[in-house]
């Protein structure tokens, strides 16, 4: 192949962010109803990955669907259960620090693994 000037194409592997066992999906409590009638009626969260300074940074915020306010957030270098626990604790602390008077109910979601 080298004598004939032929080159074989190199196929890139498809990106997969997670290759381990997948956990069970949580129950769909919101049923795609992303509007809330009162503060703290519906909180949602996720983990987002950013690149910063050549490293990965993970952001885990709590968003109040009533007004789009970020209730609490936490960052870490790895997407661990500890990151989520710290973020949830901050959110619950915000309830104790005055937000409690404005809130009616907090929906508890399931663990997706």
Protein backbone atom coordinates (compact mmCIF):
# COMPACT_ATOMS: atom_id res chain seq x y z
CA UNK A 1 0.00 0.00 0.00
CA UNK A 2 2.88 2.33 0.80
CA UNK A 3 4.49 1.74 -2.61
CA UNK A 4 1.21 2.60 -4.36
CA UNK A 5 0.59 5.65 -2.15
CA UNK A 6 -2.59 4.21 -0.68
CA UNK A 7 -3.79 5.09 2.78
CA UNK A 8 -6.54 3.45 4.75
CA UNK A 9 -9.06 5.77 6.37
CA UNK A 10 -8.94 5.94 10.16
CA UNK A 11 -12.42 5.79 11.62
CA UNK A 12 -13.01 7.79 14.74
CA UNK A 13 -14.75 6.02 17.57
CA UNK A 14 -18.20 7.31 18.41
CA UNK A 15 -18.16 9.37 21.61
CA UNK A 16 -19.89 7.72 24.55
CA UNK A 17 -19.87 9.61 27.81
CA UNK A 18 -20.63 6.55 29.93
CA UNK A 19 -19.81 2.92 29.25
CA UNK A 20 -20.80 1.28 32.54
CA UNK A 21 -24.11 -0.14 33.70
CA UNK A 22 -26.99 2.26 33.35
CA UNK A 23 -29.28 2.78 36.32
CA UNK A 24 -33.05 2.73 36.23
CA UNK A 25 -34.80 5.85 34.98
CA UNK A 26 -36.62 7.87 37.61
CA UNK A 27 -40.39 8.17 37.57
CA UNK A 28 -41.57 11.05 35.35
CA UNK A 29 -43.27 13.08 38.08
CA UNK A 30 -43.48 16.34 36.09
CA UNK A 31 -45.03 14.77 32.95
CA UNK A 32 -43.37 17.59 30.91
CA UNK A 33 -45.24 20.26 32.91
CA UNK A 34 -42.35 22.68 33.43
CA UNK A 35 -44.38 25.58 34.83
CA UNK A 36 -45.04 26.04 38.53
CA UNK A 37 -47.84 28.01 40.15
CA UNK A 38 -45.89 28.82 43.34
CA UNK A 39 -42.26 29.15 44.46
CA UNK A 40 -40.56 25.86 45.40
CA UNK A 41 -43.45 23.85 43.94
CA UNK A 42 -41.12 22.29 41.37
CA UNK A 43 -37.35 22.11 41.59
CA UNK A 44 -35.29 20.48 38.84
CA UNK A 45 -31.60 19.66 38.64
CA UNK A 46 -29.00 18.24 36.31
CA UNK A 47 -25.22 17.95 36.02
CA UNK A 48 -23.51 19.88 33.22
CA UNK A 49 -19.92 19.33 32.06
CA UNK A 50 -17.66 22.26 31.11
CA UNK A 51 -14.05 22.46 29.97
CA UNK A 52 -12.05 24.96 32.00
CA UNK A 53 -8.29 25.32 31.89
CA UNK A 54 -7.86 22.02 30.05
CA UNK A 55 -9.83 20.13 32.70
CA UNK A 56 -13.44 19.10 33.09
CA UNK A 57 -15.64 20.95 35.57
CA UNK A 58 -19.09 19.73 36.59
CA UNK A 59 -21.89 22.10 37.61
CA UNK A 60 -24.95 20.85 39.48
CA UNK A 61 -27.64 23.55 40.01
CA UNK A 62 -31.19 23.48 41.41
CA UNK A 63 -33.62 25.51 39.30
CA UNK A 64 -36.99 26.68 40.65
CA UNK A 65 -39.48 26.34 37.77
CA UNK A 66 -41.71 29.09 39.19
CA UNK A 67 -39.37 31.96 38.32
CA UNK A 68 -36.24 30.34 36.83
CA UNK A 69 -34.20 31.19 39.93
CA UNK A 70 -31.11 29.14 40.74
CA UNK A 71 -31.85 28.01 44.30
CA UNK A 72 -28.44 26.41 44.92
CA UNK A 73 -25.46 25.14 42.96
CA UNK A 74 -22.24 23.21 43.45
CA UNK A 75 -19.20 22.49 41.28
CA UNK A 76 -16.63 19.69 41.32
CA UNK A 77 -13.94 18.07 39.17
CA UNK A 78 -15.88 14.78 39.05
CA UNK A 79 -19.64 14.04 38.72
CA UNK A 80 -20.05 12.14 41.97
CA UNK A 81 -22.90 11.41 44.35
CA UNK A 82 -21.14 13.69 46.85
CA UNK A 83 -21.50 16.62 44.42
CA UNK A 84 -25.27 16.09 44.27
CA UNK A 85 -25.57 15.67 48.05
CA UNK A 86 -23.75 18.97 48.68
CA UNK A 87 -25.97 20.74 46.13
CA UNK A 88 -29.17 19.33 47.68
CA UNK A 89 -28.01 20.27 51.18
CA UNK A 90 -27.44 23.86 50.01
CA UNK A 91 -30.94 23.90 48.54
CA UNK A 92 -32.48 22.62 51.76
CA UNK A 93 -30.45 25.14 53.77
CA UNK A 94 -31.89 27.91 51.59
CA UNK A 95 -35.36 26.75 52.67
CA UNK A 96 -34.36 27.19 56.30
CA UNK A 97 -32.87 30.64 55.63
CA UNK A 98 -36.02 32.49 54.61
CA UNK A 99 -37.06 30.81 51.38
CA UNK A 100 -39.25 28.54 53.50
CA UNK A 101 -41.86 31.31 53.90
CA UNK A 102 -42.27 31.55 50.12
CA UNK A 103 -42.39 27.81 49.44
CA UNK A 104 -45.27 25.38 49.52
CA UNK A 105 -44.01 21.94 48.46
CA UNK A 106 -40.78 20.37 47.26
CA UNK A 107 -41.14 17.44 44.84
CA UNK A 108 -38.76 14.61 45.59
CA UNK A 109 -37.42 12.84 42.51
CA UNK A 110 -35.91 9.39 42.12
CA UNK A 111 -32.31 8.33 41.76
CA UNK A 112 -31.28 7.56 38.16
CA UNK A 113 -28.25 5.59 39.21
